[in-house]
Structures are given as structure tokens and as C-alpha cells.
């Protein structure tokens, strides 16, 4: 764990908490990314709401790009998967967010902060699945 940086992790977590709290206070809505993306792509969503949601998503893409381009910070993760594997993984995650009525950000950050029992169960399920998957990949398969 030589690359572990608790200060940047703490700052990142605080910024995520601040952003989701402000989104709830200012808009009265939960900052669950799957819900925001799903509603941005739905034709039933009014245009003004769609623009707000698309701006939120674009900001999530642009912000780390600007930070990486304008600071000495370098990306610490390298994805070694092929594009088809990444697309399949994304589709599986999308299916899981629909099945679980929300994503990790919606349940894990926003739902738990509101003491939602449903979000607690969902968070325990996806964290347990993540731990089990990591164990199988690293210790059983050996990748």
C-alpha cells in the first residue's frame, strides 16, 4: 500500500459528501448517478431538468480531466481490460443498478446519510459482492 494517500482520500470523500449534500439541499434530489443518468436520457424528463442532469454528468467527466491536466497528480489506476470487456462490465453494472433501484452513490452515500434501511441492505449487498468477487479473482483464479 505504498501509494495510499489518506489525505487525498479524505479530501475526495469530503468533496463527494459536500457535493451530494449540496445537491440535496439545493435541488431536493438525491445525487445517485444512475438515476441522474437514466433521467437525463428519458424523453419524459422536462428539458430544463435534462439539461441540469447532463451538466452534472459532464461536470463529473470534465473535473478529473482538468485536475489531471493542470496539476502534478497522476492517475493511479491503469485499466488493462479490453474495450469489449469494459462495455460488458458497464452493462452488467447498469443492470445491477436497475435491479437494486440505485447505484453505489445513491445508496452508499446519499441513502446511508439519510439512514435509509433499504440503502443499508443494498450497500451491504454490493459491498459483499465486491469483496467476494475480489477474493475469487485474486485468490481462486489468481489474476
C-alpha atoms as a PDB file:
ATOM      1  CA  UNK A   1       0.000   0.000   0.000  1.00  0.00           C
ATOM      2  CA  UNK A   2       2.845   2.353  -0.783  1.00  0.00           C
ATOM      3  CA  UNK A   3       0.618   4.605  -2.929  1.00  0.00           C
ATOM      4  CA  UNK A   4      -2.076   5.026  -0.290  1.00  0.00           C
ATOM      5  CA  UNK A   5      -2.639   8.713   0.342  1.00  0.00           C
ATOM      6  CA  UNK A   6      -5.040   9.214   3.241  1.00  0.00           C
ATOM      7  CA  UNK A   7      -5.165  12.990   2.797  1.00  0.00           C
ATOM      8  CA  UNK A   8      -6.284  12.890  -0.821  1.00  0.00           C
ATOM      9  CA  UNK A   9      -8.763  10.112   0.015  1.00  0.00           C
ATOM     10  CA  UNK A  10     -10.127  12.164   2.911  1.00  0.00           C
ATOM     11  CA  UNK A  11     -10.376  15.267   0.736  1.00  0.00           C
ATOM     12  CA  UNK A  12     -12.079  13.303  -2.051  1.00  0.00           C
ATOM     13  CA  UNK A  13     -14.602  11.801   0.362  1.00  0.00           C
ATOM     14  CA  UNK A  14     -15.318  15.207   1.879  1.00  0.00           C
ATOM     15  CA  UNK A  15     -15.870  16.711  -1.575  1.00  0.00           C
ATOM     16  CA  UNK A  16     -18.224  13.878  -2.563  1.00  0.00           C
ATOM     17  CA  UNK A  17     -20.163  14.365   0.676  1.00  0.00           C
ATOM     18  CA  UNK A  18     -20.286  18.121   0.166  1.00  0.00           C
ATOM     19  CA  UNK A  19     -21.440  17.785  -3.451  1.00  0.00           C
ATOM     20  CA  UNK A  20     -24.165  15.254  -2.634  1.00  0.00           C
ATOM     21  CA  UNK A  21     -25.319  17.286   0.373  1.00  0.00           C
ATOM     22  CA  UNK A  22     -25.485  20.499  -1.649  1.00  0.00           C
ATOM     23  CA  UNK A  23     -27.317  18.717  -4.470  1.00  0.00           C
ATOM     24  CA  UNK A  24     -29.931  17.513  -1.971  1.00  0.00           C
ATOM     25  CA  UNK A  25     -30.229  20.885  -0.211  1.00  0.00           C
ATOM     26  CA  UNK A  26     -30.366  22.982  -3.380  1.00  0.00           C
ATOM     27  CA  UNK A  27     -32.418  20.670  -5.604  1.00  0.00           C
ATOM     28  CA  UNK A  28     -34.260  18.438  -3.165  1.00  0.00           C
ATOM     29  CA  UNK A  29     -32.966  15.425  -5.095  1.00  0.00           C
ATOM     30  CA  UNK A  30     -30.547  12.623  -4.345  1.00  0.00           C
ATOM     31  CA  UNK A  31     -27.242  12.621  -6.241  1.00  0.00           C
ATOM     32  CA  UNK A  32     -27.478   8.989  -7.345  1.00  0.00           C
ATOM     33  CA  UNK A  33     -25.563   8.814 -10.597  1.00  0.00           C
ATOM     34  CA  UNK A  34     -27.580   6.013 -12.182  1.00  0.00           C
ATOM     35  CA  UNK A  35     -30.815   7.900 -11.523  1.00  0.00           C
ATOM     36  CA  UNK A  36     -29.397  11.157 -12.839  1.00  0.00           C
ATOM     37  CA  UNK A  37     -28.082   9.463 -15.994  1.00  0.00           C
ATOM     38  CA  UNK A  38     -31.273   7.447 -16.510  1.00  0.00           C
ATOM     39  CA  UNK A  39     -33.474  10.538 -16.139  1.00  0.00           C
ATOM     40  CA  UNK A  40     -31.210  12.586 -18.417  1.00  0.00           C
ATOM     41  CA  UNK A  41     -31.736  10.043 -21.187  1.00  0.00           C
ATOM     42  CA  UNK A  42     -35.507   9.664 -20.683  1.00  0.00           C
ATOM     43  CA  UNK A  43     -37.771  11.547 -23.061  1.00  0.00           C
ATOM     44  CA  UNK A  44     -40.336  12.049 -20.273  1.00  0.00           C
ATOM     45  CA  UNK A  45     -37.933  14.318 -18.369  1.00  0.00           C
ATOM     46  CA  UNK A  46     -38.576  18.056 -18.934  1.00  0.00           C
ATOM     47  CA  UNK A  47     -35.862  19.835 -20.932  1.00  0.00           C
ATOM     48  CA  UNK A  48     -34.704  22.058 -18.039  1.00  0.00           C
ATOM     49  CA  UNK A  49     -34.273  19.027 -15.767  1.00  0.00           C
ATOM     50  CA  UNK A  50     -32.491  17.126 -18.538  1.00  0.00           C
ATOM     51  CA  UNK A  51     -30.021  19.996 -19.047  1.00  0.00           C
ATOM     52  CA  UNK A  52     -29.315  20.093 -15.289  1.00  0.00           C
ATOM     53  CA  UNK A  53     -28.684  16.351 -15.187  1.00  0.00           C
ATOM     54  CA  UNK A  54     -26.479  16.388 -18.289  1.00  0.00           C
ATOM     55  CA  UNK A  55     -24.481  19.293 -16.818  1.00  0.00           C
ATOM     56  CA  UNK A  56     -23.954  17.256 -13.635  1.00  0.00           C
ATOM     57  CA  UNK A  57     -22.679  14.280 -15.667  1.00  0.00           C
ATOM     58  CA  UNK A  58     -20.465  16.439 -17.906  1.00  0.00           C
ATOM     59  CA  UNK A  59     -19.012  18.064 -14.778  1.00  0.00           C
ATOM     60  CA  UNK A  60     -18.185  14.635 -13.367  1.00  0.00           C
ATOM     61  CA  UNK A  61     -16.257  13.830 -16.547  1.00  0.00           C
ATOM     62  CA  UNK A  62     -14.555  17.189 -17.038  1.00  0.00           C
ATOM     63  CA  UNK A  63     -13.473  17.853 -13.427  1.00  0.00           C
ATOM     64  CA  UNK A  64     -10.990  14.967 -13.086  1.00  0.00           C
ATOM     65  CA  UNK A  65      -9.720  15.617 -16.597  1.00  0.00           C
ATOM     66  CA  UNK A  66      -8.966  19.250 -15.715  1.00  0.00           C
ATOM     67  CA  UNK A  67      -7.322  18.235 -12.425  1.00  0.00           C
ATOM     68  CA  UNK A  68      -5.073  15.675 -14.147  1.00  0.00           C
ATOM     69  CA  UNK A  69      -4.149  18.127 -16.902  1.00  0.00           C
ATOM     70  CA  UNK A  70      -3.433  21.068 -14.609  1.00  0.00           C
ATOM     71  CA  UNK A  71      -1.661  19.511 -11.632  1.00  0.00           C
ATOM     72  CA  UNK A  72       1.257  17.202 -10.901  1.00  0.00           C
ATOM     73  CA  UNK A  73      -1.190  14.482  -9.809  1.00  0.00           C
ATOM     74  CA  UNK A  74      -1.016  11.383 -11.974  1.00  0.00           C
ATOM     75  CA  UNK A  75      -3.647   8.711 -12.457  1.00  0.00           C
ATOM     76  CA  UNK A  76      -3.008   5.844 -10.068  1.00  0.00           C
ATOM     77  CA  UNK A  77      -5.128   3.272 -11.841  1.00  0.00           C
ATOM     78  CA  UNK A  78      -4.399   1.643 -15.148  1.00  0.00           C
ATOM     79  CA  UNK A  79      -7.191  -0.321 -16.804  1.00  0.00           C
ATOM     80  CA  UNK A  80      -5.802  -3.333 -18.616  1.00  0.00           C
ATOM     81  CA  UNK A  81      -9.123  -4.700 -19.859  1.00  0.00           C
ATOM     82  CA  UNK A  82     -10.193  -4.694 -23.485  1.00  0.00           C
ATOM     83  CA  UNK A  83     -12.962  -2.372 -24.736  1.00  0.00           C
ATOM     84  CA  UNK A  84     -15.447  -5.261 -25.128  1.00  0.00           C
ATOM     85  CA  UNK A  85     -14.775  -6.330 -21.520  1.00  0.00           C
ATOM     86  CA  UNK A  86     -15.249  -2.749 -20.300  1.00  0.00           C
ATOM     87  CA  UNK A  87     -18.525  -2.419 -22.229  1.00  0.00           C
ATOM     88  CA  UNK A  88     -19.838  -5.756 -20.915  1.00  0.00           C
ATOM     89  CA  UNK A  89     -18.839  -4.778 -17.360  1.00  0.00           C
ATOM     90  CA  UNK A  90     -20.649  -1.449 -17.772  1.00  0.00           C
ATOM     91  CA  UNK A  91     -23.795  -3.188 -18.966  1.00  0.00           C
ATOM     92  CA  UNK A  92     -23.674  -5.574 -16.008  1.00  0.00           C
ATOM     93  CA  UNK A  93     -23.270  -2.641 -13.613  1.00  0.00           C
ATOM     94  CA  UNK A  94     -26.169  -0.856 -15.325  1.00  0.00           C
ATOM     95  CA  UNK A  95     -28.339  -3.950 -14.920  1.00  0.00           C
ATOM     96  CA  UNK A  96     -27.362  -4.150 -11.249  1.00  0.00           C
ATOM     97  CA  UNK A  97     -28.280  -0.538 -10.613  1.00  0.00           C
ATOM     98  CA  UNK A  98     -31.728  -1.105 -12.102  1.00  0.00           C
ATOM     99  CA  UNK A  99     -32.137  -4.326 -10.130  1.00  0.00           C
ATOM    100  CA  UNK A 100     -31.045  -2.629  -6.897  1.00  0.00           C
ATOM    101  CA  UNK A 101     -33.076   0.547  -7.537  1.00  0.00           C
ATOM    102  CA  UNK A 102     -29.950   2.686  -7.413  1.00  0.00           C
ATOM    103  CA  UNK A 103     -26.188   2.705  -7.552  1.00  0.00           C
ATOM    104  CA  UNK A 104     -23.368   2.885  -5.047  1.00  0.00           C
ATOM    105  CA  UNK A 105     -23.524   6.668  -4.894  1.00  0.00           C
ATOM    106  CA  UNK A 106     -27.279   6.749  -4.441  1.00  0.00           C
ATOM    107  CA  UNK A 107     -27.426   4.059  -1.768  1.00  0.00           C
ATOM    108  CA  UNK A 108     -23.943   4.206  -0.236  1.00  0.00           C
ATOM    109  CA  UNK A 109     -23.536   7.953   0.064  1.00  0.00           C
ATOM    110  CA  UNK A 110     -26.966   9.556  -0.088  1.00  0.00           C
ATOM    111  CA  UNK A 111     -29.122   6.730   1.248  1.00  0.00           C
ATOM    112  CA  UNK A 112     -26.931   5.860   4.225  1.00  0.00           C
ATOM    113  CA  UNK A 113     -26.630   9.513   5.205  1.00  0.00           C
ATOM    114  CA  UNK A 114     -30.453   9.627   5.369  1.00  0.00           C
ATOM    115  CA  UNK A 115     -30.452   6.403   7.450  1.00  0.00           C
ATOM    116  CA  UNK A 116     -32.408   4.502   4.791  1.00  0.00           C
ATOM    117  CA  UNK A 117     -32.844   0.817   5.689  1.00  0.00           C
ATOM    118  CA  UNK A 118     -33.204  -0.086   2.006  1.00  0.00           C
ATOM    119  CA  UNK A 119     -29.912   1.648   1.254  1.00  0.00           C
ATOM    120  CA  UNK A 120     -28.217  -0.184   4.135  1.00  0.00           C
ATOM    121  CA  UNK A 121     -29.298  -3.545   2.704  1.00  0.00           C
ATOM    122  CA  UNK A 122     -28.270  -2.533  -0.826  1.00  0.00           C
ATOM    123  CA  UNK A 123     -24.882  -1.260   0.356  1.00  0.00           C
ATOM    124  CA  UNK A 124     -24.211  -4.442   2.322  1.00  0.00           C
ATOM    125  CA  UNK A 125     -25.127  -6.494  -0.756  1.00  0.00           C
ATOM    126  CA  UNK A 126     -22.913  -4.678  -3.243  1.00  0.00           C
ATOM    127  CA  UNK A 127     -20.003  -4.384  -0.805  1.00  0.00           C
ATOM    128  CA  UNK A 128     -20.299  -8.096  -0.029  1.00  0.00           C
ATOM    129  CA  UNK A 129     -20.417  -8.927  -3.738  1.00  0.00           C
ATOM    130  CA  UNK A 130     -17.347  -6.728  -4.321  1.00  0.00           C
ATOM    131  CA  UNK A 131     -15.392  -8.419  -1.530  1.00  0.00           C
ATOM    132  CA  UNK A 132     -16.385 -11.885  -2.800  1.00  0.00           C
ATOM    133  CA  UNK A 133     -15.500 -11.018  -6.408  1.00  0.00           C
ATOM    134  CA  UNK A 134     -12.116  -9.605  -5.405  1.00  0.00           C
ATOM    135  CA  UNK A 135     -11.365 -12.692  -3.319  1.00  0.00           C
ATOM    136  CA  UNK A 136     -12.272 -15.057  -6.152  1.00  0.00           C
ATOM    137  CA  UNK A 137     -10.292 -13.109  -8.759  1.00  0.00           C
ATOM    138  CA  UNK A 138      -7.180 -12.687  -6.620  1.00  0.00           C
ATOM    139  CA  UNK A 139      -7.094 -15.927  -4.635  1.00  0.00           C
ATOM    140  CA  UNK A 140      -9.086 -18.534  -6.533  1.00  0.00           C
ATOM    141  CA  UNK A 141      -8.437 -17.589 -10.166  1.00  0.00           C
ATOM    142  CA  UNK A 142      -5.102 -15.980  -9.364  1.00  0.00           C
ATOM    143  CA  UNK A 143      -5.159 -12.819 -11.514  1.00  0.00           C
END
